[in-house]
Protein backbone atom coordinates (compact mmCIF):
# COMPACT_ATOMS: atom_id res chain seq x y z
CA MET A 1 54.92 4.09 33.09
CA SER A 2 54.61 2.76 36.63
CA VAL A 3 51.56 3.48 38.75
CA LYS A 4 52.09 4.31 42.42
CA LEU A 5 49.76 3.00 45.07
CA THR A 6 49.76 2.81 48.83
CA ASP A 7 50.37 -0.70 50.04
CA TYR A 8 47.60 -3.24 49.76
CA ARG A 9 46.34 -4.98 52.86
CA ARG A 10 46.59 -8.68 51.98
CA GLU A 11 44.15 -11.27 53.23
CA ILE A 12 44.42 -14.98 52.47
CA LEU A 13 40.91 -16.36 52.05
CA ASN A 14 40.21 -19.94 53.06
CA LEU A 15 37.62 -21.19 50.59
CA PRO A 16 34.81 -23.66 51.35
CA ASP A 17 36.47 -26.41 49.29
CA GLY A 18 39.76 -26.16 51.20
CA ASP A 19 41.59 -24.01 48.67
CA ILE A 20 43.08 -20.55 49.20
CA ILE A 21 43.28 -17.28 47.27
CA ALA A 22 44.71 -13.83 47.97
CA ALA A 23 42.54 -10.74 48.38
CA ASP A 24 44.36 -7.39 48.29
CA TRP A 25 42.44 -4.53 49.91
CA VAL A 26 42.54 -0.75 49.84
CA ASP A 27 40.60 0.65 52.76
CA GLY A 28 38.43 3.70 52.25
CA THR A 29 35.79 5.36 54.38
CA PRO A 30 33.58 2.87 56.25
CA GLY A 31 30.19 2.60 54.56
CA GLU A 32 31.41 3.94 51.23
CA PRO A 33 31.02 1.65 48.17
CA LEU A 34 33.19 -1.42 47.71
CA VAL A 35 34.73 -2.16 44.31
CA VAL A 36 35.56 -5.84 43.75
CA LEU A 37 38.02 -6.30 40.88
CA ILE A 38 38.72 -9.59 39.11
CA HIS A 39 41.93 -9.38 37.08
CA GLY A 40 42.73 -10.90 33.70
CA MET A 41 44.57 -14.08 32.76
CA GLU A 42 47.79 -14.38 34.77
CA GLY A 43 47.23 -10.87 36.11
CA SER A 44 47.25 -9.67 39.72
CA SER A 45 46.78 -6.68 41.97
CA ASP A 46 50.11 -5.45 40.62
CA SER A 47 48.82 -5.22 37.03
CA ARG A 48 48.78 -1.62 35.81
CA TYR A 49 45.02 -1.53 35.29
CA ALA A 50 44.47 -2.91 38.80
CA ARG A 51 46.60 -0.19 40.34
CA LEU A 52 44.81 2.47 38.30
CA LEU A 53 41.39 1.22 39.35
CA MET A 54 42.36 0.87 43.01
CA ASN A 55 43.94 4.34 42.97
CA ALA A 56 40.61 5.65 41.71
CA CYS A 57 38.92 4.04 44.72
CA ILE A 58 41.38 5.70 47.09
CA GLU A 59 40.82 9.11 45.49
CA ARG A 60 37.07 8.77 46.06
CA GLY A 61 37.34 7.42 49.58
CA TRP A 62 35.86 4.13 48.37
CA ASN A 63 36.91 0.67 49.45
CA GLY A 64 38.47 -1.71 46.97
CA VAL A 65 39.65 -5.29 46.76
CA VAL A 66 41.44 -7.26 44.06
CA LEU A 67 40.14 -10.81 44.33
CA HIS A 68 42.79 -13.04 42.80
CA MET A 69 42.09 -16.06 40.68
CA ARG A 70 43.43 -19.33 42.08
CA SER A 71 47.25 -19.54 41.75
CA CYS A 72 47.61 -15.81 41.03
CA GLY A 73 49.04 -12.94 43.07
CA GLY A 74 52.04 -15.00 44.18
CA VAL A 75 49.90 -17.53 46.08
CA ILE A 76 49.88 -21.06 44.69
CA ASN A 77 46.57 -22.69 45.51
CA LYS A 78 46.22 -26.09 47.15
CA ARG A 79 43.90 -27.92 44.79
CA LYS A 80 44.47 -29.41 41.37
CA GLN A 81 42.29 -26.87 39.58
CA PHE A 82 43.44 -23.39 38.61
CA TYR A 83 40.85 -21.09 36.96
CA HIS A 84 39.01 -20.65 33.68
CA ALA A 85 36.68 -18.19 31.94
CA GLY A 86 33.52 -19.54 33.53
CA PHE A 87 34.83 -20.21 37.03
CA TYR A 88 32.77 -17.88 39.20
CA ASN A 89 32.69 -19.93 42.43
CA ASP A 90 35.13 -17.74 44.35
CA ILE A 91 33.31 -14.54 43.37
CA ARG A 92 30.06 -16.13 44.53
CA TYR A 93 31.61 -17.13 47.85
CA PHE A 94 33.14 -13.70 48.44
CA VAL A 95 30.10 -11.60 47.49
CA ASP A 96 27.26 -13.87 48.58
CA GLU A 97 28.77 -15.35 51.75
CA ARG A 98 31.95 -13.63 52.94
CA LEU A 99 30.78 -10.01 52.75
CA PRO A 100 27.59 -10.73 54.76
CA GLN A 101 29.74 -12.58 57.34
CA MET A 102 31.84 -9.42 57.67
CA GLY A 103 28.73 -7.38 58.38
CA SER A 104 29.25 -5.41 55.19
CA ASN A 105 26.15 -3.67 53.86
CA GLN A 106 27.63 -1.04 51.52
CA LYS A 107 27.04 -0.82 47.79
CA VAL A 108 29.09 -3.35 45.83
CA PHE A 109 30.38 -2.73 42.33
CA LEU A 110 32.00 -5.54 40.33
CA LEU A 111 34.75 -4.93 37.79
CA GLY A 112 36.18 -7.65 35.57
CA VAL A 113 39.11 -7.19 33.22
CA SER A 114 39.65 -9.50 30.22
CA LEU A 115 39.10 -13.11 31.43
CA GLY A 116 37.94 -11.70 34.78
CA GLY A 117 35.06 -10.02 32.98
CA SER A 118 33.90 -13.40 31.74
CA GLN A 119 33.88 -14.74 35.30
CA ILE A 120 31.92 -11.67 36.42
CA ALA A 121 29.30 -12.24 33.71
CA HIS A 122 28.82 -15.84 34.86
CA TYR A 123 28.50 -14.77 38.49
CA LEU A 124 25.97 -12.04 37.71
CA VAL A 125 23.66 -14.58 36.11
CA LYS A 126 24.30 -17.56 38.40
CA GLY A 127 24.99 -15.94 41.79
CA LYS A 128 22.89 -13.73 44.07
CA ALA A 129 23.91 -10.45 42.45
CA LEU A 130 20.57 -8.74 42.99
CA GLU A 131 20.94 -9.01 46.77
CA ARG A 132 24.11 -6.91 46.93
CA VAL A 133 25.58 -5.76 43.58
CA ARG A 134 24.54 -2.31 42.36
CA ALA A 135 26.35 -2.30 38.98
CA ALA A 136 29.23 -3.91 37.12
CA ALA A 137 31.70 -3.32 34.30
CA ILE A 138 33.44 -5.89 32.12
CA ILE A 139 36.42 -4.53 30.25
CA SER A 140 38.20 -5.93 27.14
CA THR A 141 36.51 -9.27 27.77
CA PRO A 142 36.47 -12.12 25.23
CA LEU A 143 32.81 -13.11 25.05
CA ASP A 144 33.29 -15.83 22.45
CA LEU A 145 36.26 -17.93 23.57
CA GLY A 146 36.54 -19.89 20.33
CA ALA A 147 36.50 -16.74 18.21
CA SER A 148 39.19 -15.19 20.40
CA ALA A 149 41.32 -18.35 20.27
CA ASP A 150 41.11 -18.29 16.46
CA PHE A 151 41.85 -14.55 16.39
CA MET A 152 44.95 -14.95 18.55
CA SER A 153 46.39 -17.77 16.46
CA LYS A 154 47.55 -15.25 13.87
CA GLY A 155 50.00 -12.38 13.66
CA PHE A 156 51.30 -10.46 16.65
CA SER A 157 48.72 -11.94 18.99
CA LYS A 158 50.64 -15.23 19.03
CA ASN A 159 53.25 -13.52 21.23
CA TYR A 160 50.68 -13.32 24.03
CA VAL A 161 50.17 -17.08 23.89
CA ILE A 162 53.90 -17.58 24.42
CA ARG A 163 53.87 -15.21 27.42
CA PHE A 164 50.89 -16.90 29.07
CA ARG A 165 52.32 -20.35 28.36
CA LYS A 166 55.55 -19.44 30.12
CA THR A 167 53.89 -18.35 33.38
CA LEU A 168 51.41 -21.23 33.34
CA LEU A 169 54.22 -23.75 32.86
CA VAL A 170 55.91 -22.58 36.04
CA LYS A 171 52.70 -23.19 37.99
CA TYR A 172 51.96 -26.56 36.41
CA ARG A 173 55.47 -27.77 37.27
CA GLN A 174 55.05 -26.53 40.85
CA LYS A 175 51.86 -28.57 41.11
CA ALA A 176 53.00 -31.56 39.04
CA GLU A 177 52.60 -34.04 41.88
CA LEU A 178 49.11 -32.78 42.71
CA ILE A 179 48.02 -32.77 39.06
CA GLY A 180 49.43 -36.26 38.59
CA ASP A 181 49.80 -36.08 34.83
CA GLU A 182 53.41 -35.66 33.69
CA SER A 183 52.39 -35.35 30.05
CA MET A 184 50.32 -32.24 30.72
CA ALA A 185 53.27 -29.92 31.26
CA ASN A 186 55.02 -31.42 28.23
CA GLU A 187 51.99 -30.77 26.01
CA LEU A 188 51.61 -27.30 27.46
CA ALA A 189 55.26 -26.54 26.70
CA LYS A 190 54.61 -27.31 23.02
CA ALA A 191 51.42 -25.23 22.76
CA LYS A 192 51.62 -22.42 20.20
CA THR A 193 47.95 -21.39 20.13
CA PHE A 194 45.20 -21.04 22.70
CA TRP A 195 43.47 -24.05 21.19
CA GLU A 196 46.58 -26.13 21.93
CA LEU A 197 47.04 -24.58 25.37
CA ASP A 198 43.44 -25.23 26.40
CA ASN A 199 43.41 -28.71 24.90
CA ALA A 200 46.61 -29.54 26.79
CA ALA A 201 45.69 -28.22 30.20
CA THR A 202 42.66 -25.98 30.81
CA ALA A 203 40.06 -28.42 29.48
CA PRO A 204 41.27 -31.69 31.01
CA ILE A 205 42.13 -30.23 34.41
CA HIS A 206 38.70 -28.61 34.76
CA GLY A 207 36.56 -31.47 33.49
CA PHE A 208 35.92 -30.47 29.88
CA LYS A 209 36.28 -32.96 27.03
CA ASP A 210 38.49 -30.63 25.03
CA ALA A 211 38.99 -26.96 24.17
CA ALA A 212 35.93 -26.90 21.90
CA HIS A 213 33.73 -28.19 24.72
CA TYR A 214 35.21 -25.62 27.14
CA TYR A 215 34.71 -22.76 24.69
CA THR A 216 31.12 -23.74 23.94
CA GLU A 217 30.12 -24.14 27.58
CA MET A 218 31.99 -21.21 29.12
CA SER A 219 31.74 -18.38 26.56
CA SER A 220 30.13 -15.50 28.43
CA LYS A 221 28.19 -14.38 25.36
CA ASN A 222 25.68 -16.95 26.58
CA CYS A 223 25.13 -14.90 29.77
CA LEU A 224 24.73 -11.30 28.58
CA LYS A 225 20.98 -11.27 27.95
CA ASP A 226 20.27 -12.55 31.46
CA ILE A 227 22.50 -10.16 33.44
CA PRO A 228 20.24 -8.68 36.15
CA VAL A 229 22.10 -5.47 37.10
CA PRO A 230 23.31 -2.47 35.03
CA THR A 231 26.55 -3.57 33.39
CA LEU A 232 29.00 -1.74 31.14
CA TYR A 233 30.77 -3.67 28.39
CA LEU A 234 33.82 -1.61 27.42
CA ALA A 235 36.07 -2.74 24.58
CA SER A 236 38.09 -1.43 21.67
CA ARG A 237 37.58 -2.48 18.09
CA ASP A 238 41.37 -2.82 17.70
CA ASP A 239 41.73 -5.26 20.62
CA PRO A 240 44.37 -7.89 19.69
CA PHE A 241 42.62 -10.51 21.88
CA VAL A 242 38.97 -9.95 21.00
CA PRO A 243 37.67 -9.87 17.41
CA GLU A 244 35.29 -6.98 16.78
CA ALA A 245 32.62 -9.28 15.35
CA SER A 246 32.32 -11.02 18.74
CA MET A 247 31.63 -7.77 20.61
CA PRO A 248 28.03 -6.67 21.27
CA GLN A 249 27.45 -3.96 18.68
CA LYS A 250 24.59 -2.35 20.57
CA SER A 251 23.28 -2.10 24.11
CA GLU A 252 20.69 -4.66 25.07
CA GLY A 253 18.78 -5.27 28.27
CA LEU A 254 20.81 -4.04 31.21
CA VAL A 255 24.11 -4.27 29.30
CA THR A 256 25.45 -1.00 27.90
CA SER A 257 27.94 -1.66 25.11
CA LEU A 258 30.62 0.99 24.62
CA LEU A 259 32.99 0.19 21.76
CA THR A 260 35.86 2.52 20.92
CA GLU A 261 38.00 2.72 17.80
CA LYS A 262 41.31 2.77 19.69
CA GLY A 263 42.32 1.32 23.01
CA GLY A 264 43.85 -2.09 22.36
CA HIS A 265 43.52 -4.59 25.17
CA VAL A 266 42.85 -2.70 28.42
CA GLY A 267 44.73 0.30 27.01
CA PHE A 268 42.31 3.21 26.71
CA VAL A 269 44.83 6.04 27.10
CA ASN A 270 44.68 9.45 25.44
CA GLN A 271 47.47 11.22 23.55
CA TYR A 272 49.01 12.30 26.85
CA GLY A 273 49.22 8.76 28.18
CA LYS A 274 46.39 9.26 30.68
CA SER A 275 43.75 6.56 31.09
CA TRP A 276 40.22 7.57 30.15
CA MET A 277 39.00 4.11 31.12
CA ILE A 278 38.94 5.19 34.77
CA PRO A 279 36.53 8.15 34.52
CA THR A 280 34.37 6.24 32.02
CA VAL A 281 33.99 3.22 34.30
CA PHE A 282 33.47 5.20 37.51
CA LYS A 283 30.91 7.52 35.91
CA PHE A 284 28.92 4.44 34.89
CA LEU A 285 29.11 3.05 38.41
CA THR A 286 28.09 6.28 40.14
CA ASP A 287 25.24 6.83 37.67
CA ASN A 288 23.80 3.51 38.77
């Protein structure tokens, strides 16, 4: 089922390191809260969950922006690097530097979906969240990257690896000259698991020794206990990406863990096909 939305207002952000990303805005009432959404792997502002969440902002008169990861949203970035689960630099720039430059002083809420939730967790701990961010929500997020990679190497989940590999290959071939490693795309094309995909491309292109090193260093489970603002962790026990054992089974510190029996990966719809993720997330935000 498609989700309608008034047109986004696109802005191309020039980043401090010379790269670019797309930011897609929905404009609400001046002074009302701003929701900053980070999408999932190979997602965009056109992803169904993004449209649902931005529609919810419009209905409330809030402001919203989908901050794209590098190379996503139809904008190929200029630098060799793409993005990974612990890459929070662009969130830090946008929230800590760009918003103050714009004269923005409204409440800021951060939402991260799937891999975007991992980036949010890293930012909350390593950025200046306390200066501006009121609350956050991380949704269907793999907190233990190695456990999720193992989990997705079996059964139906392998189909997702094939889908991600296909879109990533297009980008790697577009940037082949910049990357300068012809073998990388060839290895990526052969990858059948996330371990193989991350060993072939994600780890070497972002300075990790291998996938194991990347997973150990960038798993956001390492960040949860230090998150300094109220944060909702929303996930379903039947998520095909995230094994239940890797989810926080109880709330701890400022992280409220809400685990459901059904919902899949960013599904969370009732028997009538209506998302209950939206009211759940926005109630948490407004309560904080």
